[in-house]
Structure formats: C-alpha cells, structure tokens
Amino acid sequence: MVGAAVDARIEHVTLYASGARVRRLATVAATEAPVPQRIRIVGLPLSVIDDTVRVEIEGGAVATNLRCGIAAPPQAAAAAEEIAEVRAARRAVALAEAEV
C-alpha cells in the first residue's frame, strides 16, 4: 500500500550555524472515505537527515512508524541512457551546425 500523498507547507524556519530546523504543517482530511492508513509527506529535500525527522499529530490518529526514503520513478518512466558514441555524434553535429 502506497498511502495518501500530502504536501507539507513550511510554517517556521530557525537557522543555526551548522544547519536549520524547519517546521512543516500538513493537514489530512479525516472526512475522506476510506481514511488513509498510511501518509506520504512529499516535497521534502533530499538532504533531510533521517533521524532528525519528527512527527506530531493532533486529533485521534496515532503515529506508529516513521520512515524516510526516496520515491524514485518507475523504470519505464526513466529516461533511456545514451551510449558514448551517440553523445559524441550529437556533439559533432552541434559543432558542425554552429560552424555553418
């Protein structure tokens, strides 16, 4: 189960000499049917340090597990890798067109 994706907006930032503390706020509507059992917070920077992420919940929900990860696109959606010969040929064509 993937879970519902929620975008968290930045609410407060505190800067330190060696980093920053960023407080984000996300709202999940409890009126959705069915109520999502898993929530994915999207839009976090890749530089987030896993063991510094905290979750605070208001209301009747309970957080039982927290994991940080990277959501990679499916392999079918990934761009095909060009081989070196194709890149060299494209470069040669671009140079020739620039000379003309």
N, C-alpha and C. Protein backbone atom coordinates (compact mmCIF):
# COMPACT_ATOMS: atom_id res chain seq x y z
N MET A 1 0.83 -1.17 0.00
CA MET A 1 0.00 0.00 0.00
C MET A 1 0.88 1.24 0.00
N VAL A 2 0.65 2.13 -0.96
CA VAL A 2 1.48 3.33 -1.11
C VAL A 2 1.08 4.40 -0.11
N GLY A 3 -0.17 4.65 0.08
CA GLY A 3 -0.62 5.67 1.02
C GLY A 3 -0.98 6.96 0.32
N ALA A 4 -1.63 7.83 1.07
CA ALA A 4 -2.05 9.13 0.54
C ALA A 4 -0.88 10.10 0.57
N ALA A 5 -0.67 10.81 -0.53
CA ALA A 5 0.41 11.80 -0.61
C ALA A 5 -0.08 13.15 -0.10
N VAL A 6 0.67 13.74 0.82
CA VAL A 6 0.31 15.02 1.42
C VAL A 6 1.49 15.97 1.25
N ASP A 7 1.21 17.18 0.78
CA ASP A 7 2.25 18.19 0.64
C ASP A 7 2.29 19.01 1.92
N ALA A 8 3.45 19.14 2.52
CA ALA A 8 3.60 19.88 3.77
C ALA A 8 4.19 21.25 3.48
N ARG A 9 3.50 22.29 3.92
CA ARG A 9 4.00 23.65 3.70
C ARG A 9 4.90 24.07 4.86
N ILE A 10 5.86 24.91 4.57
CA ILE A 10 6.80 25.38 5.59
C ILE A 10 6.09 26.40 6.46
N GLU A 11 6.13 26.17 7.77
CA GLU A 11 5.48 27.05 8.72
C GLU A 11 6.47 27.93 9.46
N HIS A 12 7.66 27.39 9.79
CA HIS A 12 8.62 28.14 10.58
C HIS A 12 10.02 27.61 10.29
N VAL A 13 11.01 28.51 10.20
CA VAL A 13 12.40 28.12 9.95
C VAL A 13 13.28 28.80 10.99
N THR A 14 14.17 28.01 11.61
CA THR A 14 15.17 28.54 12.54
C THR A 14 16.54 28.18 11.98
N LEU A 15 17.37 29.20 11.75
CA LEU A 15 18.70 28.97 11.18
C LEU A 15 19.74 28.84 12.28
N TYR A 16 20.65 27.90 12.10
CA TYR A 16 21.77 27.68 13.01
C TYR A 16 23.07 27.75 12.20
N ALA A 17 24.20 27.81 12.88
CA ALA A 17 25.48 27.87 12.18
C ALA A 17 25.74 26.60 11.38
N SER A 18 25.23 25.47 11.84
CA SER A 18 25.51 24.20 11.15
C SER A 18 24.26 23.59 10.53
N GLY A 19 23.25 24.36 10.24
CA GLY A 19 22.05 23.80 9.62
C GLY A 19 20.83 24.64 9.93
N ALA A 20 19.68 24.01 9.86
CA ALA A 20 18.42 24.71 10.10
C ALA A 20 17.39 23.74 10.63
N ARG A 21 16.42 24.26 11.36
CA ARG A 21 15.27 23.49 11.80
C ARG A 21 14.08 24.04 11.04
N VAL A 22 13.40 23.15 10.32
CA VAL A 22 12.26 23.55 9.50
C VAL A 22 11.02 22.85 10.03
N ARG A 23 10.01 23.62 10.37
CA ARG A 23 8.74 23.05 10.83
C ARG A 23 7.76 23.14 9.67
N ARG A 24 7.20 22.01 9.31
CA ARG A 24 6.23 21.94 8.21
C ARG A 24 4.88 21.54 8.77
N LEU A 25 3.84 21.93 8.08
CA LEU A 25 2.48 21.63 8.51
C LEU A 25 1.73 20.97 7.36
N ALA A 26 1.14 19.82 7.66
CA ALA A 26 0.34 19.11 6.67
C ALA A 26 -1.00 18.77 7.30
N THR A 27 -2.06 18.82 6.51
CA THR A 27 -3.39 18.51 7.00
C THR A 27 -3.96 17.36 6.19
N VAL A 28 -4.49 16.38 6.91
CA VAL A 28 -5.15 15.25 6.27
C VAL A 28 -6.62 15.31 6.66
N ALA A 29 -7.48 15.34 5.68
CA ALA A 29 -8.92 15.43 5.96
C ALA A 29 -9.42 14.09 6.48
N ALA A 30 -9.98 14.09 7.67
CA ALA A 30 -10.50 12.86 8.27
C ALA A 30 -11.84 12.47 7.69
N THR A 31 -12.38 13.31 6.81
CA THR A 31 -13.68 13.01 6.22
C THR A 31 -13.55 12.16 4.97
N GLU A 32 -12.31 11.89 4.52
CA GLU A 32 -12.12 11.05 3.34
C GLU A 32 -12.61 9.65 3.63
N ALA A 33 -13.18 9.01 2.64
CA ALA A 33 -13.62 7.62 2.82
C ALA A 33 -12.90 6.77 1.79
N PRO A 34 -12.17 5.77 2.13
CA PRO A 34 -11.78 5.40 3.49
C PRO A 34 -10.65 6.29 4.00
N VAL A 35 -10.52 6.37 5.29
CA VAL A 35 -9.46 7.18 5.91
C VAL A 35 -8.12 6.51 5.61
N PRO A 36 -7.14 7.25 5.07
CA PRO A 36 -5.86 6.63 4.74
C PRO A 36 -5.13 6.13 5.98
N GLN A 37 -4.58 4.91 5.86
CA GLN A 37 -3.82 4.35 6.98
C GLN A 37 -2.35 4.71 6.89
N ARG A 38 -1.89 5.06 5.72
CA ARG A 38 -0.50 5.49 5.52
C ARG A 38 -0.50 6.85 4.85
N ILE A 39 0.42 7.69 5.28
CA ILE A 39 0.56 9.04 4.73
C ILE A 39 1.99 9.20 4.22
N ARG A 40 2.14 9.75 3.01
CA ARG A 40 3.46 10.08 2.46
C ARG A 40 3.55 11.60 2.42
N ILE A 41 4.56 12.14 3.07
CA ILE A 41 4.79 13.58 3.02
C ILE A 41 5.77 13.83 1.88
N VAL A 42 5.29 14.49 0.84
CA VAL A 42 6.09 14.71 -0.36
C VAL A 42 6.69 16.11 -0.34
N GLY A 43 7.74 16.30 -1.12
CA GLY A 43 8.34 17.62 -1.25
C GLY A 43 9.45 17.91 -0.26
N LEU A 44 9.86 16.92 0.54
CA LEU A 44 10.97 17.14 1.45
C LEU A 44 12.27 17.16 0.67
N PRO A 45 13.27 17.92 1.10
CA PRO A 45 14.53 17.97 0.36
C PRO A 45 15.30 16.65 0.49
N LEU A 46 16.12 16.35 -0.51
CA LEU A 46 16.92 15.12 -0.47
C LEU A 46 17.95 15.15 0.65
N SER A 47 18.29 16.34 1.12
CA SER A 47 19.32 16.48 2.15
C SER A 47 18.78 16.28 3.56
N VAL A 48 17.52 15.91 3.71
CA VAL A 48 16.95 15.72 5.04
C VAL A 48 17.69 14.58 5.75
N ILE A 49 17.97 14.77 7.02
CA ILE A 49 18.67 13.75 7.80
C ILE A 49 17.60 12.88 8.47
N ASP A 50 17.62 11.60 8.15
CA ASP A 50 16.54 10.69 8.55
C ASP A 50 16.23 10.72 10.04
N ASP A 51 17.25 10.66 10.88
CA ASP A 51 17.00 10.54 12.32
C ASP A 51 16.62 11.86 12.99
N THR A 52 16.48 12.94 12.21
CA THR A 52 16.05 14.21 12.78
C THR A 52 14.59 14.51 12.44
N VAL A 53 13.94 13.66 11.67
CA VAL A 53 12.55 13.88 11.29
C VAL A 53 11.64 13.45 12.44
N ARG A 54 10.73 14.33 12.82
CA ARG A 54 9.78 14.06 13.90
C ARG A 54 8.37 14.30 13.38
N VAL A 55 7.41 13.60 13.97
CA VAL A 55 6.01 13.75 13.59
C VAL A 55 5.20 14.07 14.84
N GLU A 56 4.35 15.06 14.73
CA GLU A 56 3.44 15.41 15.82
C GLU A 56 2.03 15.39 15.24
N ILE A 57 1.13 14.68 15.90
CA ILE A 57 -0.22 14.50 15.37
C ILE A 57 -1.24 15.05 16.36
N GLU A 58 -2.20 15.80 15.83
CA GLU A 58 -3.31 16.29 16.64
C GLU A 58 -4.56 15.54 16.20
N GLY A 59 -5.41 15.23 17.14
CA GLY A 59 -6.64 14.52 16.81
C GLY A 59 -6.57 13.08 17.31
N GLY A 60 -7.39 12.22 16.75
CA GLY A 60 -7.48 10.84 17.22
C GLY A 60 -6.50 9.88 16.60
N ALA A 61 -5.67 10.33 15.66
CA ALA A 61 -4.74 9.43 14.99
C ALA A 61 -3.51 9.15 15.86
N VAL A 62 -2.83 8.05 15.56
CA VAL A 62 -1.63 7.66 16.27
C VAL A 62 -0.56 7.31 15.25
N ALA A 63 0.64 7.85 15.41
CA ALA A 63 1.76 7.50 14.54
C ALA A 63 2.48 6.30 15.14
N THR A 64 2.60 5.23 14.37
CA THR A 64 3.26 4.03 14.88
C THR A 64 4.59 3.76 14.21
N ASN A 65 4.84 4.37 13.07
CA ASN A 65 6.07 4.10 12.34
C ASN A 65 6.41 5.32 11.48
N LEU A 66 7.69 5.62 11.39
CA LEU A 66 8.15 6.73 10.57
C LEU A 66 9.36 6.27 9.78
N ARG A 67 9.30 6.41 8.46
CA ARG A 67 10.42 6.02 7.60
C ARG A 67 10.68 7.13 6.58
N CYS A 68 11.94 7.37 6.29
CA CYS A 68 12.33 8.33 5.26
C CYS A 68 12.88 7.55 4.07
N GLY A 69 12.55 8.00 2.88
CA GLY A 69 13.04 7.33 1.69
C GLY A 69 12.91 8.24 0.48
N ILE A 70 13.39 7.74 -0.62
CA ILE A 70 13.32 8.48 -1.88
C ILE A 70 12.32 7.78 -2.78
N ALA A 71 11.38 8.51 -3.30
CA ALA A 71 10.40 7.97 -4.22
C ALA A 71 10.94 8.10 -5.64
N ALA A 72 11.50 7.02 -6.14
CA ALA A 72 12.06 7.02 -7.49
C ALA A 72 10.96 6.71 -8.50
N PRO A 73 11.06 7.29 -9.69
CA PRO A 73 10.04 6.99 -10.71
C PRO A 73 10.18 5.55 -11.16
N PRO A 74 9.10 4.96 -11.67
CA PRO A 74 9.21 3.59 -12.18
C PRO A 74 10.20 3.52 -13.33
N GLN A 75 10.81 2.37 -13.51
CA GLN A 75 11.86 2.24 -14.51
C GLN A 75 11.36 2.55 -15.92
N ALA A 76 10.10 2.26 -16.19
CA ALA A 76 9.54 2.56 -17.51
C ALA A 76 9.51 4.06 -17.78
N ALA A 77 9.38 4.88 -16.74
CA ALA A 77 9.32 6.33 -16.89
C ALA A 77 10.70 6.97 -16.91
N ALA A 78 11.74 6.21 -16.59
CA ALA A 78 13.10 6.76 -16.55
C ALA A 78 13.60 7.00 -17.97
N ALA A 79 14.43 8.00 -18.12
CA ALA A 79 14.99 8.32 -19.43
C ALA A 79 16.00 7.25 -19.83
N ALA A 80 16.01 6.94 -21.10
CA ALA A 80 16.95 5.95 -21.61
C ALA A 80 18.37 6.53 -21.58
N GLU A 81 19.33 5.70 -21.25
CA GLU A 81 20.71 6.14 -21.17
C GLU A 81 21.33 6.13 -22.56
N GLU A 82 22.01 7.21 -22.92
CA GLU A 82 22.67 7.28 -24.21
C GLU A 82 24.07 6.70 -24.09
N ILE A 83 24.48 5.97 -25.11
CA ILE A 83 25.84 5.45 -25.11
C ILE A 83 26.80 6.54 -25.56
N ALA A 84 28.07 6.36 -25.27
CA ALA A 84 29.08 7.40 -25.53
C ALA A 84 29.16 7.77 -27.01
N GLU A 85 29.00 6.80 -27.91
CA GLU A 85 29.09 7.09 -29.34
C GLU A 85 27.97 8.02 -29.79
N VAL A 86 26.77 7.84 -29.24
CA VAL A 86 25.64 8.70 -29.61
C VAL A 86 25.88 10.12 -29.10
N ARG A 87 26.37 10.25 -27.87
CA ARG A 87 26.67 11.59 -27.34
C ARG A 87 27.74 12.28 -28.18
N ALA A 88 28.79 11.53 -28.58
CA ALA A 88 29.85 12.10 -29.40
C ALA A 88 29.31 12.54 -30.76
N ALA A 89 28.43 11.74 -31.37
CA ALA A 89 27.84 12.09 -32.65
C ALA A 89 26.98 13.34 -32.54
N ARG A 90 26.17 13.43 -31.47
CA ARG A 90 25.34 14.63 -31.27
C ARG A 90 26.21 15.88 -31.09
N ARG A 91 27.31 15.73 -30.37
CA ARG A 91 28.24 16.84 -30.16
C ARG A 91 28.85 17.28 -31.49
N ALA A 92 29.25 16.30 -32.32
CA ALA A 92 29.84 16.62 -33.62
C ALA A 92 28.83 17.35 -34.51
N VAL A 93 27.58 16.92 -34.51
CA VAL A 93 26.54 17.57 -35.30
C VAL A 93 26.33 19.00 -34.80
N ALA A 94 26.27 19.20 -33.48
CA ALA A 94 26.08 20.54 -32.93
C ALA A 94 27.24 21.46 -33.31
N LEU A 95 28.47 20.95 -33.26
CA LEU A 95 29.63 21.75 -33.66
C LEU A 95 29.58 22.12 -35.14
N ALA A 96 29.21 21.14 -35.98
CA ALA A 96 29.12 21.40 -37.42
C ALA A 96 28.04 22.43 -37.72
N GLU A 97 26.90 22.33 -37.05
CA GLU A 97 25.82 23.29 -37.27
C GLU A 97 26.22 24.69 -36.79
N ALA A 98 27.01 24.74 -35.71
CA ALA A 98 27.46 26.03 -35.20
C ALA A 98 28.43 26.70 -36.17
N GLU A 99 29.26 25.91 -36.88
CA GLU A 99 30.19 26.46 -37.85
C GLU A 99 29.48 27.00 -39.07
N VAL A 100 28.38 26.35 -39.47
CA VAL A 100 27.65 26.80 -40.64
C VAL A 100 26.93 28.08 -40.29
